[in-house]
Amino acid sequence: MGKLTTFVLEMLRMCLLLVLTIGLLGGLEYAVFKLLYGWTIYPGSAAVGNIILFFVLYRNYWQFRGWFKSDKNQRLGQHITRSLVSLSLLLILLPFAVPLLN
């Protein structure tokens, strides 16, 4: 396969992984929030946290298991990974703390 074909396949794979990850995590957060509080809200910050978490997972794990191989593929640094995961968890847990403030 040519470089263009593997690139297109990798982009399709990345979009599919993004949809599955956001759908799975968003559905899980929605169900837990509904179970805990009995009502639902739109957790916008949790969606941003899920996208950041997907970015970290893709850069550190999934990009090395795909079709497109390049010498430029690098993992995120340990400090950046920890910072992004911490920010992601904060954004994901933020909608759960808002009802407790009332």
N, C-alpha and C. Protein backbone atom coordinates (compact mmCIF):
# COMPACT_ATOMS: atom_id res chain seq x y z
N MET A 1 0.84 -1.19 0.00
CA MET A 1 0.00 0.00 0.00
C MET A 1 0.88 1.24 0.00
N GLY A 2 0.39 2.26 -0.64
CA GLY A 2 1.12 3.51 -0.71
C GLY A 2 0.95 4.32 0.56
N LYS A 3 1.78 5.35 0.68
CA LYS A 3 1.71 6.22 1.86
C LYS A 3 0.37 6.92 1.97
N LEU A 4 -0.19 7.36 0.85
CA LEU A 4 -1.47 8.06 0.88
C LEU A 4 -2.59 7.13 1.34
N THR A 5 -2.58 5.91 0.87
CA THR A 5 -3.61 4.94 1.27
C THR A 5 -3.53 4.64 2.76
N THR A 6 -2.33 4.41 3.27
CA THR A 6 -2.19 4.13 4.70
C THR A 6 -2.55 5.36 5.54
N PHE A 7 -2.26 6.55 5.02
CA PHE A 7 -2.64 7.77 5.73
C PHE A 7 -4.15 7.91 5.82
N VAL A 8 -4.84 7.66 4.71
CA VAL A 8 -6.30 7.76 4.71
C VAL A 8 -6.91 6.71 5.63
N LEU A 9 -6.40 5.49 5.59
CA LEU A 9 -6.89 4.44 6.49
C LEU A 9 -6.66 4.81 7.95
N GLU A 10 -5.51 5.40 8.23
CA GLU A 10 -5.22 5.80 9.61
C GLU A 10 -6.13 6.93 10.07
N MET A 11 -6.46 7.87 9.18
CA MET A 11 -7.38 8.95 9.54
C MET A 11 -8.78 8.40 9.81
N LEU A 12 -9.22 7.45 8.99
CA LEU A 12 -10.52 6.81 9.23
C LEU A 12 -10.52 6.06 10.56
N ARG A 13 -9.42 5.36 10.83
CA ARG A 13 -9.28 4.63 12.09
C ARG A 13 -9.31 5.59 13.28
N MET A 14 -8.62 6.73 13.14
CA MET A 14 -8.58 7.71 14.22
C MET A 14 -9.99 8.29 14.47
N CYS A 15 -10.72 8.58 13.41
CA CYS A 15 -12.09 9.11 13.58
C CYS A 15 -12.99 8.08 14.24
N LEU A 16 -12.87 6.82 13.84
CA LEU A 16 -13.66 5.76 14.45
C LEU A 16 -13.32 5.60 15.93
N LEU A 17 -12.03 5.62 16.25
CA LEU A 17 -11.61 5.53 17.65
C LEU A 17 -12.11 6.72 18.46
N LEU A 18 -12.10 7.91 17.86
CA LEU A 18 -12.58 9.11 18.55
C LEU A 18 -14.08 8.98 18.86
N VAL A 19 -14.86 8.56 17.87
CA VAL A 19 -16.30 8.41 18.07
C VAL A 19 -16.58 7.35 19.14
N LEU A 20 -15.90 6.22 19.07
CA LEU A 20 -16.11 5.16 20.06
C LEU A 20 -15.70 5.60 21.46
N THR A 21 -14.56 6.26 21.58
CA THR A 21 -14.08 6.70 22.88
C THR A 21 -15.01 7.74 23.49
N ILE A 22 -15.37 8.75 22.71
CA ILE A 22 -16.24 9.81 23.21
C ILE A 22 -17.62 9.23 23.54
N GLY A 23 -18.12 8.35 22.69
CA GLY A 23 -19.43 7.73 22.95
C GLY A 23 -19.43 6.87 24.19
N LEU A 24 -18.40 6.06 24.36
CA LEU A 24 -18.32 5.18 25.51
C LEU A 24 -18.15 5.97 26.81
N LEU A 25 -17.18 6.87 26.83
CA LEU A 25 -16.95 7.66 28.05
C LEU A 25 -18.12 8.59 28.35
N GLY A 26 -18.66 9.23 27.31
CA GLY A 26 -19.80 10.13 27.52
C GLY A 26 -21.02 9.39 28.03
N GLY A 27 -21.29 8.22 27.47
CA GLY A 27 -22.42 7.42 27.93
C GLY A 27 -22.25 6.95 29.36
N LEU A 28 -21.02 6.57 29.71
CA LEU A 28 -20.74 6.14 31.07
C LEU A 28 -20.92 7.29 32.06
N GLU A 29 -20.39 8.46 31.71
CA GLU A 29 -20.55 9.63 32.58
C GLU A 29 -22.01 10.03 32.71
N TYR A 30 -22.76 9.98 31.60
CA TYR A 30 -24.18 10.32 31.61
C TYR A 30 -24.94 9.37 32.54
N ALA A 31 -24.65 8.07 32.43
CA ALA A 31 -25.35 7.08 33.25
C ALA A 31 -25.01 7.25 34.74
N VAL A 32 -23.76 7.49 35.06
CA VAL A 32 -23.36 7.66 36.45
C VAL A 32 -23.97 8.94 37.02
N PHE A 33 -23.99 10.02 36.25
CA PHE A 33 -24.58 11.27 36.71
C PHE A 33 -26.07 11.10 36.96
N LYS A 34 -26.76 10.42 36.05
CA LYS A 34 -28.20 10.18 36.21
C LYS A 34 -28.46 9.29 37.43
N LEU A 35 -27.61 8.31 37.66
CA LEU A 35 -27.75 7.41 38.80
C LEU A 35 -27.53 8.16 40.12
N LEU A 36 -26.53 9.02 40.16
CA LEU A 36 -26.20 9.73 41.39
C LEU A 36 -27.19 10.85 41.72
N TYR A 37 -27.58 11.61 40.71
CA TYR A 37 -28.37 12.81 40.96
C TYR A 37 -29.81 12.73 40.48
N GLY A 38 -30.16 11.75 39.66
CA GLY A 38 -31.53 11.57 39.21
C GLY A 38 -31.96 12.51 38.11
N TRP A 39 -31.12 13.39 37.66
CA TRP A 39 -31.43 14.28 36.55
C TRP A 39 -30.17 14.44 35.71
N THR A 40 -30.34 14.98 34.55
CA THR A 40 -29.20 15.06 33.64
C THR A 40 -28.89 16.51 33.30
N ILE A 41 -27.65 16.74 32.98
CA ILE A 41 -27.21 18.02 32.45
C ILE A 41 -26.31 17.73 31.27
N TYR A 42 -26.01 18.74 30.50
CA TYR A 42 -25.05 18.56 29.41
C TYR A 42 -23.65 18.84 29.97
N PRO A 43 -22.85 17.82 30.12
CA PRO A 43 -21.51 18.02 30.70
C PRO A 43 -20.50 18.45 29.64
N GLY A 44 -20.52 19.72 29.28
CA GLY A 44 -19.61 20.22 28.25
C GLY A 44 -18.16 20.10 28.63
N SER A 45 -17.85 20.35 29.90
CA SER A 45 -16.45 20.24 30.32
C SER A 45 -15.99 18.79 30.28
N ALA A 46 -16.90 17.86 30.54
CA ALA A 46 -16.54 16.44 30.48
C ALA A 46 -16.22 16.04 29.04
N ALA A 47 -16.93 16.61 28.08
CA ALA A 47 -16.64 16.29 26.67
C ALA A 47 -15.24 16.77 26.29
N VAL A 48 -14.87 17.96 26.74
CA VAL A 48 -13.52 18.46 26.47
C VAL A 48 -12.48 17.57 27.17
N GLY A 49 -12.78 17.15 28.40
CA GLY A 49 -11.88 16.24 29.11
C GLY A 49 -11.73 14.91 28.39
N ASN A 50 -12.82 14.41 27.81
CA ASN A 50 -12.75 13.16 27.06
C ASN A 50 -11.91 13.31 25.80
N ILE A 51 -12.00 14.45 25.14
CA ILE A 51 -11.19 14.68 23.95
C ILE A 51 -9.71 14.76 24.31
N ILE A 52 -9.39 15.42 25.41
CA ILE A 52 -7.99 15.47 25.87
C ILE A 52 -7.49 14.07 26.21
N LEU A 53 -8.32 13.29 26.87
CA LEU A 53 -7.95 11.92 27.22
C LEU A 53 -7.74 11.08 25.95
N PHE A 54 -8.59 11.26 24.95
CA PHE A 54 -8.40 10.57 23.68
C PHE A 54 -7.07 10.96 23.04
N PHE A 55 -6.74 12.25 23.07
CA PHE A 55 -5.48 12.72 22.50
C PHE A 55 -4.28 12.03 23.16
N VAL A 56 -4.31 11.93 24.47
CA VAL A 56 -3.21 11.29 25.20
C VAL A 56 -3.15 9.79 24.85
N LEU A 57 -4.30 9.13 24.83
CA LEU A 57 -4.32 7.71 24.48
C LEU A 57 -3.81 7.48 23.06
N TYR A 58 -4.23 8.34 22.14
CA TYR A 58 -3.80 8.16 20.75
C TYR A 58 -2.30 8.39 20.62
N ARG A 59 -1.80 9.48 21.18
CA ARG A 59 -0.39 9.79 21.02
C ARG A 59 0.53 8.80 21.73
N ASN A 60 0.09 8.23 22.84
CA ASN A 60 0.96 7.34 23.60
C ASN A 60 0.74 5.86 23.31
N TYR A 61 -0.38 5.50 22.69
CA TYR A 61 -0.64 4.08 22.51
C TYR A 61 -1.14 3.75 21.10
N TRP A 62 -2.27 4.32 20.70
CA TRP A 62 -2.92 3.87 19.47
C TRP A 62 -2.17 4.23 18.20
N GLN A 63 -1.39 5.29 18.17
CA GLN A 63 -0.70 5.66 16.93
C GLN A 63 0.37 4.63 16.55
N PHE A 64 0.84 3.87 17.51
CA PHE A 64 1.87 2.88 17.23
C PHE A 64 1.29 1.54 16.82
N ARG A 65 -0.02 1.38 16.88
CA ARG A 65 -0.67 0.14 16.50
C ARG A 65 -1.48 0.26 15.22
N GLY A 66 -1.31 1.37 14.52
CA GLY A 66 -2.09 1.62 13.31
C GLY A 66 -1.33 1.22 12.05
N TRP A 67 -1.89 1.64 10.91
CA TRP A 67 -1.31 1.29 9.62
C TRP A 67 -0.19 2.24 9.23
N PHE A 68 -0.29 3.50 9.58
CA PHE A 68 0.66 4.51 9.14
C PHE A 68 1.88 4.51 10.05
N LYS A 69 3.01 4.16 9.49
CA LYS A 69 4.27 4.15 10.25
C LYS A 69 5.14 5.30 9.78
N SER A 70 5.69 6.03 10.73
CA SER A 70 6.54 7.16 10.40
C SER A 70 7.64 7.28 11.46
N ASP A 71 8.74 7.87 11.04
CA ASP A 71 9.82 8.12 11.99
C ASP A 71 9.48 9.28 12.92
N LYS A 72 8.48 10.06 12.56
CA LYS A 72 8.10 11.23 13.35
C LYS A 72 7.12 10.89 14.47
N ASN A 73 6.63 9.65 14.53
CA ASN A 73 5.72 9.25 15.61
C ASN A 73 6.49 9.23 16.92
N GLN A 74 6.02 10.01 17.88
CA GLN A 74 6.66 10.06 19.19
C GLN A 74 5.61 10.06 20.27
N ARG A 75 5.96 9.49 21.40
CA ARG A 75 5.08 9.54 22.56
C ARG A 75 5.18 10.93 23.20
N LEU A 76 4.13 11.28 23.93
CA LEU A 76 4.18 12.52 24.71
C LEU A 76 5.14 12.32 25.87
N GLY A 77 5.76 13.38 26.32
CA GLY A 77 6.64 13.30 27.47
C GLY A 77 5.86 12.95 28.73
N GLN A 78 6.55 12.40 29.70
CA GLN A 78 5.89 11.96 30.93
C GLN A 78 5.23 13.13 31.67
N HIS A 79 5.88 14.27 31.71
CA HIS A 79 5.32 15.44 32.39
C HIS A 79 4.07 15.95 31.67
N ILE A 80 4.13 16.02 30.35
CA ILE A 80 2.98 16.47 29.57
C ILE A 80 1.83 15.49 29.70
N THR A 81 2.13 14.19 29.68
CA THR A 81 1.09 13.17 29.82
C THR A 81 0.39 13.31 31.16
N ARG A 82 1.15 13.44 32.23
CA ARG A 82 0.55 13.58 33.56
C ARG A 82 -0.28 14.86 33.67
N SER A 83 0.23 15.94 33.11
CA SER A 83 -0.51 17.22 33.17
C SER A 83 -1.82 17.12 32.40
N LEU A 84 -1.78 16.55 31.20
CA LEU A 84 -2.99 16.45 30.39
C LEU A 84 -4.01 15.49 31.01
N VAL A 85 -3.55 14.38 31.56
CA VAL A 85 -4.47 13.44 32.21
C VAL A 85 -5.10 14.09 33.44
N SER A 86 -4.31 14.83 34.20
CA SER A 86 -4.86 15.53 35.38
C SER A 86 -5.90 16.56 34.97
N LEU A 87 -5.61 17.34 33.95
CA LEU A 87 -6.57 18.32 33.45
C LEU A 87 -7.83 17.62 32.94
N SER A 88 -7.66 16.53 32.24
CA SER A 88 -8.79 15.77 31.72
C SER A 88 -9.68 15.24 32.85
N LEU A 89 -9.07 14.67 33.87
CA LEU A 89 -9.86 14.16 35.00
C LEU A 89 -10.58 15.29 35.74
N LEU A 90 -9.93 16.44 35.86
CA LEU A 90 -10.57 17.59 36.49
C LEU A 90 -11.80 18.03 35.69
N LEU A 91 -11.66 18.10 34.38
CA LEU A 91 -12.77 18.51 33.53
C LEU A 91 -13.90 17.47 33.52
N ILE A 92 -13.55 16.20 33.60
CA ILE A 92 -14.56 15.13 33.62
C ILE A 92 -15.32 15.15 34.94
N LEU A 93 -14.62 15.38 36.05
CA LEU A 93 -15.27 15.35 37.37
C LEU A 93 -15.97 16.66 37.73
N LEU A 94 -15.70 17.73 37.01
CA LEU A 94 -16.31 19.02 37.31
C LEU A 94 -17.84 18.99 37.30
N PRO A 95 -18.51 18.39 36.31
CA PRO A 95 -19.98 18.37 36.36
C PRO A 95 -20.54 17.61 37.56
N PHE A 96 -19.78 16.68 38.11
CA PHE A 96 -20.24 15.93 39.26
C PHE A 96 -20.15 16.76 40.54
N ALA A 97 -19.28 17.76 40.56
CA ALA A 97 -19.11 18.59 41.76
C ALA A 97 -20.07 19.78 41.77
N VAL A 98 -20.55 20.20 40.62
CA VAL A 98 -21.43 21.38 40.56
C VAL A 98 -22.71 21.20 41.38
N PRO A 99 -23.43 20.07 41.30
CA PRO A 99 -24.64 19.93 42.14
C PRO A 99 -24.35 19.93 43.63
N LEU A 100 -23.16 19.57 44.03
CA LEU A 100 -22.81 19.55 45.44
C LEU A 100 -22.61 20.96 45.99
N LEU A 101 -22.36 21.93 45.13
CA LEU A 101 -22.14 23.31 45.55
C LEU A 101 -23.45 24.02 45.90
N ASN A 102 -24.55 23.52 45.38
CA ASN A 102 -25.86 24.17 45.65
C ASN A 102 -26.38 23.88 47.01
